[in-house]
Amino acid sequence: MISRRRKSAEKRLPEVSLTPLIDTTLVLLVIFMVTTPIMQNSLSIDLPEGNMKEDSDPASVSLIVTITGDEKLLLNSVPYSLDRLLPELEKQVNGASDKRVYIECDRKVSSGTLVKIVDSIKYVAGVKRVVLSTERIR
């Protein structure tokens, strides 16, 4: 009788319970299903701080475009229309890759107008570096 019990005990193989593994897998699947759409619709934007210090090279600081609250454009305090501003910027930059154009924009100006002007400066006038000026944080 004892020998039969030993033989039946020796024939049994250890079993691994799959229930915790399946539970863990389903929880991970739900987590990935929830987070994937969030990751695809996010934008990674690195905004500059208000206390950022720029290298002030006189050759690069010479071009300042100001957009007033009533959306008038000024280049170094001289008023221009957008059609006249772009050729003037192109002439003053003249292919110099280190030239920067600083944009001082009033808070009242809509973001659509600002983006339109920045795009025009970068792609029509050929300026490679456009910097948005901010107030210093105190």
Foldseek 3Di string as FASTA:
>chain_A
DVVVVVVVVVPDDDDDDCVVVVVVVVVVVVVCVVCVVVVVPDDDDDDDDLADDDPPDPLQAQWEWEQDLVGWIDTNNHTDDLVVVLVVLLVSCVPVQSHEHEYEYDPNDDVVSVVVSVCCNCPVSVHDHYHYHDHHDD
